[in-house]
Full PDB file with SEQRES, HELIX, SHEET, SSBOND, CRYST1, ORIGX, SCALE, CONECT and MASTER records, all heavy atoms in Angstrom:
SEQRES   1 A   36  LEU ARG GLY LYS SER VAL ASP GLU LEU LYS ALA GLU ILE          
SEQRES   2 A   36  LYS GLU LEU GLU LYS SER VAL LYS GLU LEU ASN GLN SER          
SEQRES   3 A   36  ILE LYS ASP ARG GLU ASP ALA ILE VAL VAL                      
HELIX    1 AA1 VAL A    6  VAL A   35  1                                  30    
CRYST1    1.000    1.000    1.000  90.00  90.00  90.00 P 1           1          
ORIGX1      1.000000  0.000000  0.000000        0.00000                         
ORIGX2      0.000000  1.000000  0.000000        0.00000                         
ORIGX3      0.000000  0.000000  1.000000        0.00000                         
SCALE1      1.000000  0.000000  0.000000        0.00000                         
SCALE2      0.000000  1.000000  0.000000        0.00000                         
SCALE3      0.000000  0.000000  1.000000        0.00000                         
ATOM      1  N   LEU A   1     118.723 108.924  97.344  1.00  0.00           N  
ATOM      2  CA  LEU A   1     118.049 108.201  96.233  1.00  0.00           C  
ATOM      3  C   LEU A   1     118.524 108.703  94.877  1.00  0.00           C  
ATOM      4  O   LEU A   1     118.202 108.094  93.827  1.00  0.00           O  
ATOM      5  CB  LEU A   1     116.516 108.506  96.331  1.00  0.00           C  
ATOM      6  CG  LEU A   1     115.888 108.043  97.635  1.00  0.00           C  
ATOM      7  CD1 LEU A   1     114.359 108.382  97.616  1.00  0.00           C  
ATOM      8  CD2 LEU A   1     116.033 106.562  97.866  1.00  0.00           C  
ATOM      9  N   ARG A   2     119.381 109.728  94.868  1.00  0.00           N  
ATOM     10  CA  ARG A   2     119.854 110.170  93.595  1.00  0.00           C  
ATOM     11  C   ARG A   2     120.817 109.141  92.937  1.00  0.00           C  
ATOM     12  O   ARG A   2     121.512 108.405  93.637  1.00  0.00           O  
ATOM     13  CB  ARG A   2     120.681 111.485  93.740  1.00  0.00           C  
ATOM     14  CG  ARG A   2     119.823 112.597  94.078  1.00  0.00           C  
ATOM     15  CD  ARG A   2     120.499 113.906  93.966  1.00  0.00           C  
ATOM     16  NE  ARG A   2     119.517 114.976  94.226  1.00  0.00           N  
ATOM     17  CZ  ARG A   2     119.880 116.135  94.795  1.00  0.00           C  
ATOM     18  NH1 ARG A   2     121.108 116.418  95.029  1.00  0.00           N  
ATOM     19  NH2 ARG A   2     118.919 117.019  95.029  1.00  0.00           N  
ATOM     20  N   GLY A   3     120.736 109.037  91.663  1.00  0.00           N  
ATOM     21  CA  GLY A   3     121.571 108.094  90.940  1.00  0.00           C  
ATOM     22  C   GLY A   3     120.817 106.802  90.730  1.00  0.00           C  
ATOM     23  O   GLY A   3     121.387 105.884  90.044  1.00  0.00           O  
ATOM     24  N   LYS A   4     119.693 106.576  91.319  1.00  0.00           N  
ATOM     25  CA  LYS A   4     118.946 105.326  91.080  1.00  0.00           C  
ATOM     26  C   LYS A   4     117.992 105.514  89.968  1.00  0.00           C  
ATOM     27  O   LYS A   4     117.444 106.567  89.724  1.00  0.00           O  
ATOM     28  CB  LYS A   4     118.154 104.927  92.364  1.00  0.00           C  
ATOM     29  CG  LYS A   4     119.100 104.567  93.509  1.00  0.00           C  
ATOM     30  CD  LYS A   4     118.265 104.024  94.669  1.00  0.00           C  
ATOM     31  CE  LYS A   4     119.266 103.619  95.770  1.00  0.00           C  
ATOM     32  NZ  LYS A   4     118.555 102.919  96.857  1.00  0.00           N  
ATOM     33  N   SER A   5     117.770 104.425  89.247  1.00  0.00           N  
ATOM     34  CA  SER A   5     116.861 104.509  88.075  1.00  0.00           C  
ATOM     35  C   SER A   5     115.409 104.398  88.674  1.00  0.00           C  
ATOM     36  O   SER A   5     115.151 104.005  89.800  1.00  0.00           O  
ATOM     37  CB  SER A   5     117.045 103.379  87.150  1.00  0.00           C  
ATOM     38  OG  SER A   5     116.719 102.093  87.701  1.00  0.00           O  
ATOM     39  N   VAL A   6     114.413 104.720  87.798  1.00  0.00           N  
ATOM     40  CA  VAL A   6     113.033 104.599  88.094  1.00  0.00           C  
ATOM     41  C   VAL A   6     112.695 103.195  88.413  1.00  0.00           C  
ATOM     42  O   VAL A   6     111.957 102.887  89.405  1.00  0.00           O  
ATOM     43  CB  VAL A   6     112.092 105.151  86.963  1.00  0.00           C  
ATOM     44  CG1 VAL A   6     110.680 104.839  87.221  1.00  0.00           C  
ATOM     45  CG2 VAL A   6     112.361 106.659  86.827  1.00  0.00           C  
ATOM     46  N   ASP A   7     113.231 102.237  87.673  1.00  0.00           N  
ATOM     47  CA  ASP A   7     112.922 100.857  87.897  1.00  0.00           C  
ATOM     48  C   ASP A   7     113.487 100.358  89.233  1.00  0.00           C  
ATOM     49  O   ASP A   7     112.868  99.586  89.951  1.00  0.00           O  
ATOM     50  CB  ASP A   7     113.514  99.960  86.797  1.00  0.00           C  
ATOM     51  CG  ASP A   7     112.678 100.112  85.510  1.00  0.00           C  
ATOM     52  OD1 ASP A   7     111.518 100.517  85.542  1.00  0.00           O  
ATOM     53  OD2 ASP A   7     113.272  99.832  84.401  1.00  0.00           O  
ATOM     54  N   GLU A   8     114.644 100.866  89.665  1.00  0.00           N  
ATOM     55  CA  GLU A   8     115.220 100.507  90.928  1.00  0.00           C  
ATOM     56  C   GLU A   8     114.368 101.056  92.032  1.00  0.00           C  
ATOM     57  O   GLU A   8     114.140 100.374  93.062  1.00  0.00           O  
ATOM     58  CB  GLU A   8     116.663 101.007  91.030  1.00  0.00           C  
ATOM     59  CG  GLU A   8     117.701 100.309  90.250  1.00  0.00           C  
ATOM     60  CD  GLU A   8     119.036 101.073  90.295  1.00  0.00           C  
ATOM     61  OE1 GLU A   8     119.073 102.264  90.242  1.00  0.00           O  
ATOM     62  OE2 GLU A   8     120.078 100.325  90.380  1.00  0.00           O  
ATOM     63  N   LEU A   9     113.959 102.304  91.935  1.00  0.00           N  
ATOM     64  CA  LEU A   9     113.095 102.897  92.912  1.00  0.00           C  
ATOM     65  C   LEU A   9     111.713 102.108  93.046  1.00  0.00           C  
ATOM     66  O   LEU A   9     111.238 101.879  94.134  1.00  0.00           O  
ATOM     67  CB  LEU A   9     112.807 104.350  92.606  1.00  0.00           C  
ATOM     68  CG  LEU A   9     114.061 105.246  92.779  1.00  0.00           C  
ATOM     69  CD1 LEU A   9     113.781 106.637  92.213  1.00  0.00           C  
ATOM     70  CD2 LEU A   9     114.519 105.292  94.243  1.00  0.00           C  
ATOM     71  N   LYS A  10     111.127 101.743  91.880  1.00  0.00           N  
ATOM     72  CA  LYS A  10     109.853 101.041  91.903  1.00  0.00           C  
ATOM     73  C   LYS A  10     110.086  99.716  92.602  1.00  0.00           C  
ATOM     74  O   LYS A  10     109.244  99.223  93.367  1.00  0.00           O  
ATOM     75  CB  LYS A  10     109.333 100.799  90.534  1.00  0.00           C  
ATOM     76  CG  LYS A  10     108.737 102.049  89.860  1.00  0.00           C  
ATOM     77  CD  LYS A  10     108.197 101.733  88.552  1.00  0.00           C  
ATOM     78  CE  LYS A  10     107.583 103.022  87.865  1.00  0.00           C  
ATOM     79  NZ  LYS A  10     107.051 102.682  86.531  1.00  0.00           N  
ATOM     80  N   ALA A  11     111.225  99.019  92.307  1.00  0.00           N  
ATOM     81  CA  ALA A  11     111.493  97.700  93.009  1.00  0.00           C  
ATOM     82  C   ALA A  11     111.614  97.911  94.499  1.00  0.00           C  
ATOM     83  O   ALA A  11     111.153  97.086  95.244  1.00  0.00           O  
ATOM     84  CB  ALA A  11     112.750  97.106  92.367  1.00  0.00           C  
ATOM     85  N   GLU A  12     112.298  98.948  94.887  1.00  0.00           N  
ATOM     86  CA  GLU A  12     112.476  99.225  96.352  1.00  0.00           C  
ATOM     87  C   GLU A  12     111.082  99.513  96.978  1.00  0.00           C  
ATOM     88  O   GLU A  12     110.831  99.037  98.118  1.00  0.00           O  
ATOM     89  CB  GLU A  12     113.387 100.409  96.595  1.00  0.00           C  
ATOM     90  CG  GLU A  12     114.825 100.046  96.363  1.00  0.00           C  
ATOM     91  CD  GLU A  12     115.796 101.287  96.631  1.00  0.00           C  
ATOM     92  OE1 GLU A  12     115.301 102.311  97.084  1.00  0.00           O  
ATOM     93  OE2 GLU A  12     116.975 101.061  96.263  1.00  0.00           O  
ATOM     94  N   ILE A  13     110.210 100.265  96.271  1.00  0.00           N  
ATOM     95  CA  ILE A  13     108.915 100.504  96.804  1.00  0.00           C  
ATOM     96  C   ILE A  13     108.147  99.264  96.986  1.00  0.00           C  
ATOM     97  O   ILE A  13     107.489  98.997  98.081  1.00  0.00           O  
ATOM     98  CB  ILE A  13     108.134 101.513  95.888  1.00  0.00           C  
ATOM     99  CG1 ILE A  13     108.759 102.890  95.968  1.00  0.00           C  
ATOM    100  CG2 ILE A  13     106.649 101.474  96.202  1.00  0.00           C  
ATOM    101  CD1 ILE A  13     108.227 103.882  94.947  1.00  0.00           C  
ATOM    102  N   LYS A  14     108.183  98.354  96.018  1.00  0.00           N  
ATOM    103  CA  LYS A  14     107.459  97.006  96.140  1.00  0.00           C  
ATOM    104  C   LYS A  14     108.006  96.235  97.318  1.00  0.00           C  
ATOM    105  O   LYS A  14     107.208  95.677  98.098  1.00  0.00           O  
ATOM    106  CB  LYS A  14     107.653  96.279  94.893  1.00  0.00           C  
ATOM    107  CG  LYS A  14     106.740  96.708  93.753  1.00  0.00           C  
ATOM    108  CD  LYS A  14     106.718  95.765  92.594  1.00  0.00           C  
ATOM    109  CE  LYS A  14     105.768  96.269  91.580  1.00  0.00           C  
ATOM    110  NZ  LYS A  14     105.542  95.333  90.425  1.00  0.00           N  
ATOM    111  N   GLU A  15     109.291  96.206  97.497  1.00  0.00           N  
ATOM    112  CA  GLU A  15     109.919  95.536  98.648  1.00  0.00           C  
ATOM    113  C   GLU A  15     109.456  96.130 100.023  1.00  0.00           C  
ATOM    114  O   GLU A  15     109.116  95.413 100.923  1.00  0.00           O  
ATOM    115  CB  GLU A  15     111.392  95.521  98.554  1.00  0.00           C  
ATOM    116  CG  GLU A  15     112.056  94.621  99.508  1.00  0.00           C  
ATOM    117  CD  GLU A  15     111.757  93.181  99.428  1.00  0.00           C  
ATOM    118  OE1 GLU A  15     111.553  92.703  98.286  1.00  0.00           O  
ATOM    119  OE2 GLU A  15     111.653  92.497 100.471  1.00  0.00           O  
ATOM    120  N   LEU A  16     109.430  97.427 100.037  1.00  0.00           N  
ATOM    121  CA  LEU A  16     108.985  98.126 101.269  1.00  0.00           C  
ATOM    122  C   LEU A  16     107.501  97.867 101.532  1.00  0.00           C  
ATOM    123  O   LEU A  16     107.151  97.611 102.648  1.00  0.00           O  
ATOM    124  CB  LEU A  16     109.267  99.662 101.185  1.00  0.00           C  
ATOM    125  CG  LEU A  16     110.697 100.088 101.234  1.00  0.00           C  
ATOM    126  CD1 LEU A  16     110.822 101.542 100.856  1.00  0.00           C  
ATOM    127  CD2 LEU A  16     111.284  99.800 102.614  1.00  0.00           C  
ATOM    128  N   GLU A  17     106.679  97.837 100.495  1.00  0.00           N  
ATOM    129  CA  GLU A  17     105.290  97.564 100.672  1.00  0.00           C  
ATOM    130  C   GLU A  17     105.065  96.125 101.180  1.00  0.00           C  
ATOM    131  O   GLU A  17     104.194  95.934 102.036  1.00  0.00           O  
ATOM    132  CB  GLU A  17     104.531  97.752  99.350  1.00  0.00           C  
ATOM    133  CG  GLU A  17     104.343  99.233  98.976  1.00  0.00           C  
ATOM    134  CD  GLU A  17     103.757  99.435  97.585  1.00  0.00           C  
ATOM    135  OE1 GLU A  17     103.796  98.565  96.753  1.00  0.00           O  
ATOM    136  OE2 GLU A  17     103.269 100.546  97.370  1.00  0.00           O  
ATOM    137  N   LYS A  18     105.862  95.200 100.673  1.00  0.00           N  
ATOM    138  CA  LYS A  18     105.786  93.868 101.108  1.00  0.00           C  
ATOM    139  C   LYS A  18     106.172  93.762 102.601  1.00  0.00           C  
ATOM    140  O   LYS A  18     105.488  93.039 103.354  1.00  0.00           O  
ATOM    141  CB  LYS A  18     106.744  92.982 100.307  1.00  0.00           C  
ATOM    142  CG  LYS A  18     106.758  91.484 100.690  1.00  0.00           C  
ATOM    143  CD  LYS A  18     107.701  90.682  99.885  1.00  0.00           C  
ATOM    144  CE  LYS A  18     107.788  89.264 100.408  1.00  0.00           C  
ATOM    145  NZ  LYS A  18     108.945  88.545  99.879  1.00  0.00           N  
ATOM    146  N   SER A  19     107.224  94.459 103.054  1.00  0.00           N  
ATOM    147  CA  SER A  19     107.636  94.472 104.416  1.00  0.00           C  
ATOM    148  C   SER A  19     106.541  95.077 105.314  1.00  0.00           C  
ATOM    149  O   SER A  19     106.277  94.534 106.414  1.00  0.00           O  
ATOM    150  CB  SER A  19     108.900  95.244 104.584  1.00  0.00           C  
ATOM    151  OG  SER A  19     109.959  94.638 103.903  1.00  0.00           O  
ATOM    152  N   VAL A  20     105.958  96.151 104.851  1.00  0.00           N  
ATOM    153  CA  VAL A  20     104.797  96.746 105.631  1.00  0.00           C  
ATOM    154  C   VAL A  20     103.643  95.829 105.789  1.00  0.00           C  
ATOM    155  O   VAL A  20     103.145  95.633 106.897  1.00  0.00           O  
ATOM    156  CB  VAL A  20     104.364  98.093 104.968  1.00  0.00           C  
ATOM    157  CG1 VAL A  20     103.107  98.570 105.624  1.00  0.00           C  
ATOM    158  CG2 VAL A  20     105.503  99.129 105.091  1.00  0.00           C  
ATOM    159  N   LYS A  21     103.307  95.082 104.716  1.00  0.00           N  
ATOM    160  CA  LYS A  21     102.172  94.106 104.727  1.00  0.00           C  
ATOM    161  C   LYS A  21     102.476  93.055 105.732  1.00  0.00           C  
ATOM    162  O   LYS A  21     101.643  92.633 106.543  1.00  0.00           O  
ATOM    163  CB  LYS A  21     101.979  93.545 103.357  1.00  0.00           C  
ATOM    164  CG  LYS A  21     100.815  92.641 103.304  1.00  0.00           C  
ATOM    165  CD  LYS A  21     100.580  92.153 101.847  1.00  0.00           C  
ATOM    166  CE  LYS A  21      99.446  91.203 101.827  1.00  0.00           C  
ATOM    167  NZ  LYS A  21      99.214  90.656 100.475  1.00  0.00           N  
ATOM    168  N   GLU A  22     103.701  92.504 105.759  1.00  0.00           N  
ATOM    169  CA  GLU A  22     104.190  91.459 106.668  1.00  0.00           C  
ATOM    170  C   GLU A  22     104.160  91.943 108.123  1.00  0.00           C  
ATOM    171  O   GLU A  22     103.705  91.235 109.025  1.00  0.00           O  
ATOM    172  CB  GLU A  22     105.524  90.928 106.296  1.00  0.00           C  
ATOM    173  CG  GLU A  22     105.570  90.103 105.045  1.00  0.00           C  
ATOM    174  CD  GLU A  22     106.998  89.792 104.559  1.00  0.00           C  
ATOM    175  OE1 GLU A  22     107.953  90.286 105.152  1.00  0.00           O  
ATOM    176  OE2 GLU A  22     107.072  89.054 103.532  1.00  0.00           O  
ATOM    177  N   LEU A  23     104.532  93.176 108.318  1.00  0.00           N  
ATOM    178  CA  LEU A  23     104.570  93.781 109.730  1.00  0.00           C  
ATOM    179  C   LEU A  23     103.147  93.938 110.127  1.00  0.00           C  
ATOM    180  O   LEU A  23     102.815  93.705 111.332  1.00  0.00           O  
ATOM    181  CB  LEU A  23     105.339  95.126 109.732  1.00  0.00           C  
ATOM    182  CG  LEU A  23     106.836  94.960 109.663  1.00  0.00           C  
ATOM    183  CD1 LEU A  23     107.474  96.332 109.504  1.00  0.00           C  
ATOM    184  CD2 LEU A  23     107.403  94.282 110.952  1.00  0.00           C  
ATOM    185  N   ASN A  24     102.263  94.407 109.311  1.00  0.00           N  
ATOM    186  CA  ASN A  24     100.865  94.632 109.692  1.00  0.00           C  
ATOM    187  C   ASN A  24     100.152  93.304 110.002  1.00  0.00           C  
ATOM    188  O   ASN A  24      99.404  93.202 111.009  1.00  0.00           O  
ATOM    189  CB  ASN A  24     100.073  95.289 108.542  1.00  0.00           C  
ATOM    190  CG  ASN A  24     100.343  96.794 108.503  1.00  0.00           C  
ATOM    191  OD1 ASN A  24     100.614  97.443 109.498  1.00  0.00           O  
ATOM    192  ND2 ASN A  24     100.152  97.366 107.328  1.00  0.00           N  
ATOM    193  N   GLN A  25     100.578  92.209 109.318  1.00  0.00           N  
ATOM    194  CA  GLN A  25      99.965  90.873 109.641  1.00  0.00           C  
ATOM    195  C   GLN A  25     100.566  90.426 110.997  1.00  0.00           C  
ATOM    196  O   GLN A  25      99.802  89.840 111.790  1.00  0.00           O  
ATOM    197  CB  GLN A  25     100.300  89.901 108.555  1.00  0.00           C  
ATOM    198  CG  GLN A  25      99.742  88.572 108.780  1.00  0.00           C  
ATOM    199  CD  GLN A  25      98.193  88.575 108.885  1.00  0.00           C  
ATOM    200  OE1 GLN A  25      97.510  89.165 107.980  1.00  0.00           O  
ATOM    201  NE2 GLN A  25      97.628  87.936 109.900  1.00  0.00           N  
ATOM    202  N   SER A  26     101.811  90.675 111.196  1.00  0.00           N  
ATOM    203  CA  SER A  26     102.425  90.345 112.481  1.00  0.00           C  
ATOM    204  C   SER A  26     101.728  91.021 113.656  1.00  0.00           C  
ATOM    205  O   SER A  26     101.503  90.421 114.718  1.00  0.00           O  
ATOM    206  CB  SER A  26     103.943  90.609 112.439  1.00  0.00           C  
ATOM    207  OG  SER A  26     104.542  90.242 113.628  1.00  0.00           O  
ATOM    208  N   ILE A  27     101.385  92.357 113.492  1.00  0.00           N  
ATOM    209  CA  ILE A  27     100.730  93.076 114.502  1.00  0.00           C  
ATOM    210  C   ILE A  27      99.349  92.516 114.736  1.00  0.00           C  
ATOM    211  O   ILE A  27      98.943  92.293 115.885  1.00  0.00           O  
ATOM    212  CB  ILE A  27     100.640  94.573 114.100  1.00  0.00           C  
ATOM    213  CG1 ILE A  27     102.036  95.282 114.226  1.00  0.00           C  
ATOM    214  CG2 ILE A  27      99.631  95.323 114.983  1.00  0.00           C  
ATOM    215  CD1 ILE A  27     102.118  96.581 113.561  1.00  0.00           C  
ATOM    216  N   LYS A  28      98.607  92.207 113.660  1.00  0.00           N  
ATOM    217  CA  LYS A  28      97.279  91.617 113.777  1.00  0.00           C  
ATOM    218  C   LYS A  28      97.335  90.275 114.529  1.00  0.00           C  
ATOM    219  O   LYS A  28      96.476  90.001 115.379  1.00  0.00           O  
ATOM    220  CB  LYS A  28      96.642  91.465 112.405  1.00  0.00           C  
ATOM    221  CG  LYS A  28      95.192  90.991 112.534  1.00  0.00           C  
ATOM    222  CD  LYS A  28      94.581  90.826 111.153  1.00  0.00           C  
ATOM    223  CE  LYS A  28      93.088  90.336 111.243  1.00  0.00           C  
ATOM    224  NZ  LYS A  28      92.781  89.478 112.362  1.00  0.00           N  
ATOM    225  N   ASP A  29      98.292  89.426 114.218  1.00  0.00           N  
ATOM    226  CA  ASP A  29      98.461  88.165 114.890  1.00  0.00           C  
ATOM    227  C   ASP A  29      98.608  88.314 116.365  1.00  0.00           C  
ATOM    228  O   ASP A  29      98.043  87.592 117.179  1.00  0.00           O  
ATOM    229  CB  ASP A  29      99.605  87.386 114.306  1.00  0.00           C  
ATOM    230  CG  ASP A  29      99.401  86.938 112.826  1.00  0.00           C  
ATOM    231  OD1 ASP A  29      98.249  86.944 112.401  1.00  0.00           O  
ATOM    232  OD2 ASP A  29     100.424  86.545 112.188  1.00  0.00           O  
ATOM    233  N   ARG A  30      99.434  89.287 116.763  1.00  0.00           N  
ATOM    234  CA  ARG A  30      99.664  89.560 118.188  1.00  0.00           C  
ATOM    235  C   ARG A  30      98.378  90.136 118.867  1.00  0.00           C  
ATOM    236  O   ARG A  30      98.089  89.788 120.051  1.00  0.00           O  
ATOM    237  CB  ARG A  30     100.883  90.463 118.387  1.00  0.00           C  
ATOM    238  CG  ARG A  30     102.139  89.656 118.233  1.00  0.00           C  
ATOM    239  CD  ARG A  30     103.345  90.499 117.765  1.00  0.00           C  
ATOM    240  NE  ARG A  30     104.519  89.686 117.655  1.00  0.00           N  
ATOM    241  CZ  ARG A  30     104.746  88.884 116.654  1.00  0.00           C  
ATOM    242  NH1 ARG A  30     103.938  88.738 115.665  1.00  0.00           N  
ATOM    243  NH2 ARG A  30     105.867  88.201 116.630  1.00  0.00           N  
ATOM    244  N   GLU A  31      97.621  90.991 118.183  1.00  0.00           N  
ATOM    245  CA  GLU A  31      96.448  91.511 118.737  1.00  0.00           C  
ATOM    246  C   GLU A  31      95.394  90.388 118.895  1.00  0.00           C  
ATOM    247  O   GLU A  31      94.719  90.359 119.966  1.00  0.00           O  
ATOM    248  CB  GLU A  31      95.847  92.567 117.803  1.00  0.00           C  
ATOM    249  CG  GLU A  31      96.623  93.909 117.816  1.00  0.00           C  
ATOM    250  CD  GLU A  31      96.139  94.920 116.832  1.00  0.00           C  
ATOM    251  OE1 GLU A  31      95.302  94.553 115.924  1.00  0.00           O  
ATOM    252  OE2 GLU A  31      96.546  96.064 116.921  1.00  0.00           O  
ATOM    253  N   ASP A  32      95.327  89.509 117.926  1.00  0.00           N  
ATOM    254  CA  ASP A  32      94.420  88.321 118.056  1.00  0.00           C  
ATOM    255  C   ASP A  32      94.805  87.447 119.255  1.00  0.00           C  
ATOM    256  O   ASP A  32      93.963  86.929 119.951  1.00  0.00           O  
ATOM    257  CB  ASP A  32      94.480  87.489 116.764  1.00  0.00           C  
ATOM    258  CG  ASP A  32      93.772  88.233 115.618  1.00  0.00           C  
ATOM    259  OD1 ASP A  32      93.081  89.236 115.826  1.00  0.00           O  
ATOM    260  OD2 ASP A  32      93.958  87.811 114.410  1.00  0.00           O  
ATOM    261  N   ALA A  33      96.158  87.275 119.472  1.00  0.00           N  
ATOM    262  CA  ALA A  33      96.591  86.486 120.602  1.00  0.00           C  
ATOM    263  C   ALA A  33      96.206  87.157 121.918  1.00  0.00           C  
ATOM    264  O   ALA A  33      95.826  86.450 122.874  1.00  0.00           O  
ATOM    265  CB  ALA A  33      98.146  86.314 120.543  1.00  0.00           C  
ATOM    266  N   ILE A  34      96.263  88.467 121.947  1.00  0.00           N  
ATOM    267  CA  ILE A  34      95.871  89.174 123.183  1.00  0.00           C  
ATOM    268  C   ILE A  34      94.387  88.935 123.425  1.00  0.00           C  
ATOM    269  O   ILE A  34      93.947  88.652 124.569  1.00  0.00           O  
ATOM    270  CB  ILE A  34      96.180  90.680 123.094  1.00  0.00           C  
ATOM    271  CG1 ILE A  34      97.687  90.871 123.237  1.00  0.00           C  
ATOM    272  CG2 ILE A  34      95.419  91.491 124.117  1.00  0.00           C  
ATOM    273  CD1 ILE A  34      98.143  92.316 122.869  1.00  0.00           C  
ATOM    274  N   VAL A  35      93.578  89.000 122.384  1.00  0.00           N  
ATOM    275  CA  VAL A  35      92.117  88.776 122.509  1.00  0.00           C  
ATOM    276  C   VAL A  35      91.852  87.404 123.036  1.00  0.00           C  
ATOM    277  O   VAL A  35      91.066  87.255 123.955  1.00  0.00           O  
ATOM    278  CB  VAL A  35      91.405  89.025 121.126  1.00  0.00           C  
ATOM    279  CG1 VAL A  35      89.979  88.474 121.232  1.00  0.00           C  
ATOM    280  CG2 VAL A  35      91.429  90.486 120.780  1.00  0.00           C  
ATOM    281  N   VAL A  36      92.556  86.380 122.519  1.00  0.00           N  
ATOM    282  CA  VAL A  36      92.352  85.009 123.023  1.00  0.00           C  
ATOM    283  C   VAL A  36      92.681  84.899 124.539  1.00  0.00           C  
ATOM    284  O   VAL A  36      92.002  84.239 125.288  1.00  0.00           O  
ATOM    285  CB  VAL A  36      93.197  84.071 122.153  1.00  0.00           C  
ATOM    286  CG1 VAL A  36      93.255  82.653 122.862  1.00  0.00           C  
ATOM    287  CG2 VAL A  36      92.703  83.946 120.761  1.00  0.00           C  
TER     288      VAL A  36                                                      
MASTER        0    0    0    1    0    0    0    6  287    1    0    3          
END                                                                             
């Protein structure tokens, strides 16, 4: 991570958070399908 600016790191964090949110939704969708 050295050599990256604070803004670059913040942008990467936002992108990672978005990916985690999408993965969590995908997991929930599959759990709901199992329940059905």
